[in-house]
Amino acid sequence: MALNRTLGLPMLTFYGTGMILGAGIYSVIGQAAGIAGDSLWQGFLVAGMAALLTALSYAELATMYPAAGAEYTYLRNAFTSQRWFAATIGIIVIFAACASAATVALAFTSYLQHFISLPRFAVASTLLIVFTLINIIGIQFSSWTNAVFTVIEVSGLALFIWLGWSQPEFGTALLASPTFATVSSAALIIFAFLGFENIVSLAEETKEPEKTIPRAILLSLFISTLLYILVSLAAVALMPPAQLAQTESALLDASLKTSRSLGGILGGIALFSTANTVLIGLVTASRIIYGVSKDKSLPTILSKTLKRQKTPWIAALVAMSVALLLLPFEKVETLAGIASFTTLIVFVAINAGLIRLRLMEPDKNRPFHVPFAIKGVPILPVLGIVVCSIFLFQFDQIIYLTGVLAFAFSAGIYFLNRYFAERKNV
């Protein structure tokens, strides 16, 4: 059963912006400040530019193949004889979206501790369950919830920027010289930009996706990058980077040093911001599960939808279950690192897929076209592969181990599903 096409440019932009902002600023800015120091804003700028290279590839591919399967669909068409590769990447995207939801659910609990002391795991689990129910109710209800939460979180960041602006030290970090630590911090900060790619998974619920999706991707990325740079300048003006690195609720602690009343307001807003990202992560994961299973690379039962709401309810429950299983990792930076590492691998594959499609099908209709090419090879996706590959060398050993296991597990799921499907047809 097809999904409802109800989303326009404003709602898609809310989705992208809400996912990007909630995932990064409230989750990893403290750890990133500890790495980059006063050049924190440069880390956000580098990560934003790196994200833009891949965002352009997503925009072109989404206009060629506007389907809920997103990355899976693009790679399925680019590497037609390697279906296992497309399926593995599709499952990895699901894993990364669930890891993002789990990461920010834990960040939510850190901010909640400033108001009431409750068990972390219980709070994070409840949040995942409640937002799964909202996801199942329907995309319109989910999108309006997201829109309200996004407006609240942007107002919170504006408040934080104003607090930083009032400090005499605001802007002095602009004079900081870039170092290798800037690149290292950008590898973690790239997690803060995860979200623009989630827009493409809503293609089957979008009006005029060929026009709307590229605009929503670029708008979300521009708005988020601008806010990130201003917030990072405000953060180091309010609190030294070394102190920011010591807390999982960096923005709240930094604002409390200046104004306890405004800091309390920001803490409340942070709850909406992090909750919003959990919601969008679960929605994204469920849509990709739906798209991949509809093409039979996952069990087809996962593509079942509710008759009235037309939402992939079984896929939503699976996404919730995976996120719940990731909660025991507990450390925000570990989960964020896992999500970043796996997503960077996906970004490399997406850029490679676009290059291959340009060479294989140069005359195919592309409503959005990535500029600059030499002899048919698009230059920006090549740069995207190089930048993502550099970032991939910036993680801890536990991240690499978990990432490799995730890929092996994802490939195993595909081949196991294929084995049982072939036995069923015998």
Protein backbone atom coordinates (compact mmCIF):
# COMPACT_ATOMS: atom_id res chain seq x y z
CA MET A 1 0.00 0.00 0.00
CA ALA A 2 1.38 3.42 -0.99
CA LEU A 3 2.16 6.10 1.58
CA ASN A 4 0.28 9.43 1.77
CA ARG A 5 1.84 12.39 -0.09
CA THR A 6 1.18 15.19 2.41
CA LEU A 7 4.54 16.90 2.98
CA GLY A 8 5.59 20.18 1.34
CA LEU A 9 8.76 22.28 1.51
CA PRO A 10 8.07 23.86 4.95
CA MET A 11 7.44 20.53 6.68
CA LEU A 12 10.41 18.82 4.98
CA THR A 13 12.67 21.72 5.98
CA PHE A 14 11.39 21.41 9.54
CA TYR A 15 12.25 17.70 9.45
CA GLY A 16 15.78 18.28 8.18
CA THR A 17 16.52 21.27 10.42
CA GLY A 18 14.98 19.63 13.48
CA MET A 19 17.01 16.46 13.01
CA ILE A 20 20.29 18.28 12.38
CA LEU A 21 20.03 20.74 15.27
CA GLY A 22 18.81 18.35 17.93
CA ALA A 23 21.33 15.65 17.09
CA GLY A 24 24.46 17.74 17.35
CA ILE A 25 24.38 20.85 19.48
CA TYR A 26 22.75 19.17 22.48
CA SER A 27 24.73 15.94 22.25
CA VAL A 28 28.35 16.34 21.15
CA ILE A 29 29.32 20.00 21.42
CA GLY A 30 31.00 19.44 24.78
CA GLN A 31 33.20 16.58 23.54
CA ALA A 32 33.98 18.53 20.34
CA ALA A 33 35.02 21.59 22.37
CA GLY A 34 37.44 19.42 24.34
CA ILE A 35 39.11 18.39 21.07
CA ALA A 36 39.06 21.65 19.12
CA GLY A 37 39.33 24.24 21.89
CA ASP A 38 38.67 27.82 20.76
CA SER A 39 38.62 26.67 17.11
CA LEU A 40 35.36 24.82 17.77
CA TRP A 41 33.50 26.99 15.26
CA GLN A 42 36.00 25.96 12.58
CA GLY A 43 35.19 22.32 13.27
CA PHE A 44 31.53 23.07 12.61
CA LEU A 45 32.40 24.95 9.43
CA VAL A 46 34.59 22.11 8.12
CA ALA A 47 31.95 19.52 8.98
CA GLY A 48 29.25 21.66 7.34
CA MET A 49 31.26 21.98 4.11
CA ALA A 50 31.93 18.25 4.15
CA ALA A 51 28.23 17.56 4.65
CA LEU A 52 27.36 19.89 1.75
CA LEU A 53 29.45 17.84 -0.69
CA THR A 54 27.41 14.73 0.06
CA ALA A 55 24.14 16.67 0.44
CA LEU A 56 24.40 17.70 -3.21
CA SER A 57 24.78 14.04 -4.21
CA TYR A 58 21.70 13.13 -2.16
CA ALA A 59 19.75 15.94 -3.81
CA GLU A 60 20.53 14.69 -7.33
CA LEU A 61 19.87 11.03 -6.52
CA ALA A 62 16.60 11.85 -4.74
CA THR A 63 15.29 13.59 -7.87
CA MET A 64 16.24 10.59 -9.98
CA TYR A 65 14.73 7.99 -7.63
CA PRO A 66 12.21 9.56 -5.20
CA ALA A 67 11.54 6.47 -3.07
CA ALA A 68 11.34 5.67 0.66
CA GLY A 69 14.21 3.20 0.27
CA ALA A 70 16.53 6.20 -0.23
CA GLU A 71 20.18 5.03 -0.07
CA TYR A 72 19.20 1.44 -0.80
CA THR A 73 17.28 2.51 -3.91
CA TYR A 74 20.10 4.71 -5.22
CA LEU A 75 22.77 2.03 -4.80
CA ARG A 76 20.45 -0.66 -6.14
CA ASN A 77 20.31 1.30 -9.40
CA ALA A 78 24.00 2.24 -9.41
CA PHE A 79 25.33 -1.24 -8.67
CA THR A 80 22.70 -3.42 -10.32
CA SER A 81 24.71 -6.66 -10.14
CA GLN A 82 25.63 -6.20 -6.46
CA ARG A 83 22.26 -6.18 -4.76
CA TRP A 84 23.88 -7.39 -1.52
CA PHE A 85 25.92 -4.16 -1.39
CA ALA A 86 22.85 -1.94 -1.70
CA ALA A 87 21.00 -3.99 0.90
CA THR A 88 23.93 -3.92 3.33
CA ILE A 89 24.23 -0.13 3.03
CA GLY A 90 20.45 0.21 3.44
CA ILE A 91 20.53 -1.82 6.66
CA ILE A 92 23.52 0.20 7.88
CA VAL A 93 21.52 3.41 7.34
CA ILE A 94 18.75 1.92 9.47
CA PHE A 95 21.33 1.06 12.14
CA ALA A 96 22.78 4.61 12.04
CA ALA A 97 19.32 6.20 12.37
CA CYS A 98 18.54 3.99 15.35
CA ALA A 99 21.94 4.78 16.90
CA SER A 100 21.17 8.50 16.48
CA ALA A 101 17.80 8.04 18.18
CA ALA A 102 19.43 6.14 21.05
CA THR A 103 22.23 8.74 21.36
CA VAL A 104 19.86 11.67 21.66
CA ALA A 105 17.47 9.76 23.93
CA LEU A 106 20.39 9.48 26.36
CA ALA A 107 21.21 13.17 25.88
CA PHE A 108 17.56 13.90 26.76
CA THR A 109 18.00 12.11 30.08
CA SER A 110 21.14 14.17 30.86
CA TYR A 111 19.19 17.42 30.49
CA LEU A 112 16.23 16.00 32.43
CA GLN A 113 18.49 15.32 35.43
CA HIS A 114 18.69 19.08 35.99
CA PHE A 115 14.95 19.08 36.80
CA ILE A 116 14.23 15.66 38.24
CA SER A 117 16.34 12.60 39.03
CA LEU A 118 15.06 9.50 37.24
CA PRO A 119 16.74 6.29 36.01
CA ARG A 120 18.48 7.03 32.70
CA PHE A 121 17.64 3.79 30.95
CA ALA A 122 13.97 3.93 31.96
CA VAL A 123 13.57 7.52 30.73
CA ALA A 124 15.34 6.88 27.42
CA SER A 125 13.32 3.70 26.84
CA THR A 126 10.02 5.46 27.58
CA LEU A 127 10.92 8.24 25.14
CA LEU A 128 11.62 5.73 22.36
CA ILE A 129 8.34 3.91 23.01
CA VAL A 130 6.19 7.07 23.11
CA PHE A 131 7.64 8.45 19.89
CA THR A 132 7.22 5.11 18.16
CA LEU A 133 3.50 5.36 18.95
CA ILE A 134 3.44 8.90 17.48
CA ASN A 135 5.25 7.56 14.41
CA ILE A 136 2.62 4.83 13.98
CA ILE A 137 -0.31 7.27 14.38
CA GLY A 138 0.66 8.93 11.09
CA ILE A 139 3.10 11.15 9.20
CA GLN A 140 0.96 14.28 9.52
CA PHE A 141 0.78 14.02 13.30
CA SER A 142 4.53 13.28 13.38
CA SER A 143 5.32 16.23 11.10
CA TRP A 144 3.27 18.72 13.14
CA THR A 145 4.87 17.45 16.36
CA ASN A 146 8.27 17.89 14.73
CA ALA A 147 7.42 21.40 13.47
CA VAL A 148 6.41 22.61 16.93
CA PHE A 149 9.49 21.05 18.55
CA THR A 150 11.79 22.54 15.87
CA VAL A 151 10.47 26.08 16.45
CA ILE A 152 11.06 25.61 20.18
CA GLU A 153 14.61 24.32 19.71
CA VAL A 154 15.58 27.14 17.33
CA SER A 155 14.30 29.67 19.87
CA GLY A 156 16.46 27.97 22.50
CA LEU A 157 19.57 28.27 20.37
CA ALA A 158 18.74 31.91 19.66
CA LEU A 159 18.52 32.48 23.43
CA PHE A 160 21.90 30.80 23.95
CA ILE A 161 23.48 32.90 21.18
CA TRP A 162 22.10 36.04 22.84
CA LEU A 163 23.66 35.00 26.16
CA GLY A 164 27.02 34.48 24.47
CA TRP A 165 26.70 37.70 22.49
CA SER A 166 26.40 39.63 25.76
CA GLN A 167 29.85 38.42 26.84
CA PRO A 168 32.91 40.55 26.00
CA GLU A 169 34.72 37.38 24.85
CA PHE A 170 32.15 36.67 22.13
CA GLY A 171 33.85 36.52 18.73
CA THR A 172 37.43 36.34 19.99
CA ALA A 173 37.51 32.67 18.96
CA LEU A 174 37.30 33.83 15.34
CA LEU A 175 41.01 34.68 15.65
CA ALA A 176 41.93 31.08 16.64
CA SER A 177 44.30 29.38 14.21
CA PRO A 178 43.16 26.07 12.67
CA THR A 179 45.05 22.97 13.80
CA PHE A 180 44.88 19.23 13.15
CA ALA A 181 42.52 19.08 16.12
CA THR A 182 40.04 21.03 14.00
CA VAL A 183 39.84 18.10 11.56
CA SER A 184 39.61 15.61 14.44
CA SER A 185 36.73 17.54 15.99
CA ALA A 186 34.99 17.74 12.61
CA ALA A 187 34.97 13.93 12.46
CA LEU A 188 32.87 13.94 15.64
CA ILE A 189 30.92 17.08 14.71
CA ILE A 190 29.78 15.48 11.44
CA PHE A 191 27.30 13.70 13.71
CA ALA A 192 25.78 17.14 14.31
CA PHE A 193 24.92 17.36 10.60
CA LEU A 194 23.28 13.97 10.33
CA GLY A 195 19.71 14.66 9.37
CA PHE A 196 19.79 16.28 5.96
CA GLU A 197 20.01 12.82 4.42
CA ASN A 198 16.92 11.70 6.33
CA ILE A 199 14.77 13.99 4.21
CA VAL A 200 15.12 11.66 1.20
CA SER A 201 13.52 8.76 3.08
CA LEU A 202 10.25 10.76 3.09
CA ALA A 203 10.18 10.98 -0.72
CA GLU A 204 7.05 8.83 -1.05
CA GLU A 205 5.21 11.13 1.38
CA THR A 206 6.32 14.36 -0.33
CA LYS A 207 4.46 16.52 -2.84
CA GLU A 208 6.56 17.11 -5.99
CA PRO A 209 9.64 15.39 -4.53
CA GLU A 210 11.79 16.27 -7.57
CA LYS A 211 11.56 19.97 -6.67
CA THR A 212 10.89 19.88 -2.94
CA ILE A 213 13.58 17.51 -1.68
CA PRO A 214 16.70 19.31 -3.04
CA ARG A 215 15.43 22.64 -1.73
CA ALA A 216 14.65 21.19 1.71
CA ILE A 217 18.09 19.53 1.95
CA LEU A 218 20.01 22.70 1.10
CA LEU A 219 17.81 24.97 3.23
CA SER A 220 18.13 22.70 6.27
CA LEU A 221 21.90 22.52 5.91
CA PHE A 222 22.34 26.29 5.49
CA ILE A 223 20.13 27.18 8.47
CA SER A 224 21.80 24.61 10.70
CA THR A 225 25.39 25.54 9.77
CA LEU A 226 24.77 29.23 10.45
CA LEU A 227 23.20 28.49 13.84
CA TYR A 228 25.98 26.02 14.72
CA ILE A 229 28.75 28.54 14.12
CA LEU A 230 27.01 31.20 16.21
CA VAL A 231 26.27 28.73 19.02
CA SER A 232 29.87 27.45 19.08
CA LEU A 233 31.16 31.03 19.36
CA ALA A 234 28.71 31.66 22.21
CA ALA A 235 29.68 28.41 23.98
CA VAL A 236 33.41 29.19 24.21
CA ALA A 237 32.58 32.76 25.27
CA LEU A 238 30.46 31.49 28.17
CA MET A 239 32.66 28.61 29.36
CA PRO A 240 36.24 27.46 28.64
CA PRO A 241 36.41 24.51 26.19
CA ALA A 242 38.01 22.26 28.82
CA GLN A 243 35.01 22.75 31.11
CA LEU A 244 32.54 22.22 28.25
CA ALA A 245 34.20 18.85 27.66
CA GLN A 246 33.44 17.73 31.22
CA THR A 247 29.65 17.73 30.85
CA GLU A 248 27.05 15.97 28.67
CA SER A 249 24.72 18.99 28.97
CA ALA A 250 27.24 21.59 27.83
CA LEU A 251 24.85 24.29 26.62
CA LEU A 252 22.79 24.21 29.79
CA ASP A 253 25.81 24.31 32.11
CA ALA A 254 27.38 27.14 30.10
CA SER A 255 24.20 29.23 30.23
CA LEU A 256 23.69 28.61 33.97
CA LYS A 257 27.00 30.33 34.67
CA THR A 258 25.55 33.58 33.29
CA SER A 259 21.85 33.40 34.18
CA ARG A 260 20.17 30.70 36.25
CA SER A 261 16.67 31.72 35.12
CA LEU A 262 17.53 31.80 31.41
CA GLY A 263 19.63 28.67 31.85
CA GLY A 264 16.59 26.89 33.28
CA ILE A 265 14.53 27.95 30.26
CA LEU A 266 17.23 26.67 27.93
CA GLY A 267 17.30 23.37 29.81
CA GLY A 268 13.57 22.96 29.21
CA ILE A 269 14.00 23.80 25.52
CA ALA A 270 16.83 21.25 25.28
CA LEU A 271 14.35 18.56 26.29
CA PHE A 272 12.15 19.45 23.30
CA SER A 273 15.16 19.60 20.99
CA THR A 274 16.58 16.22 21.89
CA ALA A 275 13.13 14.63 21.94
CA ASN A 276 12.51 15.99 18.44
CA THR A 277 15.61 14.27 17.11
CA VAL A 278 14.54 10.97 18.64
CA LEU A 279 11.20 11.24 16.85
CA ILE A 280 12.73 12.02 13.46
CA GLY A 281 15.35 9.28 13.81
CA LEU A 282 12.65 6.68 14.45
CA VAL A 283 10.52 7.97 11.55
CA THR A 284 13.52 7.83 9.20
CA ALA A 285 14.56 4.32 10.24
CA SER A 286 11.03 2.98 9.80
CA ARG A 287 10.70 4.46 6.27
CA ILE A 288 13.97 2.94 5.13
CA ILE A 289 13.01 -0.44 6.58
CA TYR A 290 9.73 -0.09 4.67
CA GLY A 291 11.53 0.76 1.40
CA VAL A 292 14.12 -2.01 1.61
CA SER A 293 11.56 -4.66 2.60
CA LYS A 294 9.17 -3.55 -0.16
CA ASP A 295 11.96 -4.49 -2.62
CA LYS A 296 12.30 -7.86 -0.84
CA SER A 297 15.83 -7.33 0.47
CA LEU A 298 14.32 -7.61 3.96
CA PRO A 299 11.29 -9.74 4.92
CA THR A 300 8.27 -8.30 3.10
CA ILE A 301 6.19 -8.36 6.29
CA LEU A 302 8.17 -5.26 7.37
CA SER A 303 6.55 -3.24 4.55
CA LYS A 304 3.03 -3.77 5.88
CA THR A 305 1.12 -0.53 6.58
CA LEU A 306 -1.94 0.34 8.61
CA LYS A 307 -5.06 0.54 6.48
CA ARG A 308 -6.16 4.00 7.59
CA GLN A 309 -2.97 5.82 8.59
CA LYS A 310 -0.86 4.13 5.88
CA THR A 311 2.15 4.05 8.20
CA PRO A 312 4.67 1.16 8.24
CA TRP A 313 3.84 0.03 11.76
CA ILE A 314 5.91 -3.17 11.87
CA ALA A 315 8.95 -1.26 10.57
CA ALA A 316 8.37 1.34 13.29
CA LEU A 317 8.40 -1.35 15.98
CA VAL A 318 11.62 -2.84 14.58
CA ALA A 319 13.30 0.60 14.57
CA MET A 320 12.29 1.11 18.19
CA SER A 321 13.64 -2.33 19.16
CA VAL A 322 17.05 -1.68 17.58
CA ALA A 323 17.32 1.71 19.33
CA LEU A 324 16.42 0.08 22.66
CA LEU A 325 19.13 -2.55 22.16
CA LEU A 326 21.72 0.21 21.65
CA LEU A 327 20.90 2.05 24.90
CA PRO A 328 23.21 -0.13 27.08
CA PHE A 329 26.21 1.50 25.34
CA GLU A 330 25.26 4.45 27.60
CA LYS A 331 28.05 6.86 26.65
CA VAL A 332 26.75 9.54 24.29
CA GLU A 333 30.11 10.01 22.58
CA THR A 334 30.40 6.25 21.86
CA LEU A 335 26.97 6.02 20.27
CA ALA A 336 27.56 9.29 18.40
CA GLY A 337 30.86 7.90 17.13
CA ILE A 338 29.17 4.71 15.93
CA ALA A 339 26.47 6.71 14.12
CA SER A 340 29.08 9.02 12.58
CA PHE A 341 31.38 6.20 11.45
CA THR A 342 28.64 4.16 9.80
CA THR A 343 27.10 7.24 8.19
CA LEU A 344 30.45 8.33 6.74
CA ILE A 345 30.78 4.90 5.12
CA VAL A 346 27.29 5.39 3.66
CA PHE A 347 28.27 8.87 2.41
CA VAL A 348 31.27 7.39 0.58
CA ALA A 349 28.99 4.80 -1.04
CA ILE A 350 26.42 7.45 -2.04
CA ASN A 351 29.04 9.67 -3.69
CA ALA A 352 30.49 6.65 -5.50
CA GLY A 353 26.99 5.67 -6.61
CA LEU A 354 26.36 9.10 -8.11
CA ILE A 355 29.66 9.00 -10.01
CA ARG A 356 28.81 5.55 -11.39
CA LEU A 357 25.31 6.62 -12.47
CA ARG A 358 26.72 9.69 -14.23
CA LEU A 359 29.00 7.41 -16.25
CA MET A 360 26.41 4.66 -16.82
CA GLU A 361 23.40 6.85 -17.57
CA PRO A 362 24.65 10.31 -18.59
CA ASP A 363 21.41 11.17 -20.40
CA LYS A 364 18.99 10.17 -17.63
CA ASN A 365 16.67 12.95 -16.47
CA ARG A 366 18.05 14.73 -13.41
CA PRO A 367 15.79 17.54 -12.14
CA PHE A 368 18.64 18.56 -9.82
CA HIS A 369 22.19 18.37 -11.16
CA VAL A 370 25.40 18.56 -9.09
CA PRO A 371 27.60 21.17 -10.84
CA PHE A 372 31.18 20.83 -12.12
CA ALA A 373 32.36 17.76 -14.02
CA ILE A 374 35.46 16.72 -15.97
CA LYS A 375 34.87 14.27 -18.83
CA GLY A 376 31.57 13.23 -17.30
CA VAL A 377 32.98 12.67 -13.79
CA PRO A 378 31.38 15.01 -11.21
CA ILE A 379 34.11 16.66 -9.13
CA LEU A 380 32.21 17.47 -5.92
CA PRO A 381 31.26 13.82 -5.18
CA VAL A 382 34.94 12.89 -5.63
CA LEU A 383 35.85 15.55 -3.06
CA GLY A 384 33.08 14.18 -0.86
CA ILE A 385 34.68 10.73 -0.92
CA VAL A 386 38.12 12.18 -0.07
CA VAL A 387 36.81 14.28 2.86
CA CYS A 388 34.71 11.44 4.31
CA SER A 389 37.68 9.08 3.99
CA ILE A 390 39.88 11.52 5.96
CA PHE A 391 37.23 11.71 8.70
CA LEU A 392 37.12 7.91 8.87
CA PHE A 393 40.65 7.86 10.32
CA GLN A 394 39.70 9.98 13.36
CA PHE A 395 37.82 7.43 15.51
CA ASP A 396 38.70 5.28 18.51
CA GLN A 397 39.30 1.53 18.20
CA ILE A 398 35.95 0.60 19.78
CA ILE A 399 34.14 2.57 17.05
CA TYR A 400 35.96 0.70 14.28
CA LEU A 401 35.24 -2.65 15.92
CA THR A 402 31.55 -1.85 16.37
CA GLY A 403 31.33 -0.49 12.82
CA VAL A 404 32.86 -3.63 11.30
CA LEU A 405 30.50 -5.81 13.35
CA ALA A 406 27.56 -3.70 12.22
CA PHE A 407 28.51 -4.18 8.56
CA ALA A 408 29.02 -7.92 8.99
CA PHE A 409 25.70 -8.18 10.82
CA SER A 410 23.91 -6.15 8.12
CA ALA A 411 25.30 -8.30 5.31
CA GLY A 412 24.37 -11.40 7.31
CA ILE A 413 20.76 -10.20 7.62
CA TYR A 414 20.52 -9.76 3.85
CA PHE A 415 22.00 -13.17 2.98
CA LEU A 416 19.90 -14.90 5.64
CA ASN A 417 16.75 -13.29 4.26
CA ARG A 418 17.77 -14.29 0.73
CA TYR A 419 18.44 -17.88 1.83
CA PHE A 420 15.00 -18.29 3.42
CA ALA A 421 13.30 -16.57 0.47
CA GLU A 422 14.94 -18.97 -1.99
CA ARG A 423 13.99 -22.00 0.13
CA LYS A 424 10.40 -20.76 0.25
CA ASN A 425 10.28 -20.56 -3.56
CA VAL A 426 11.73 -24.05 -4.05
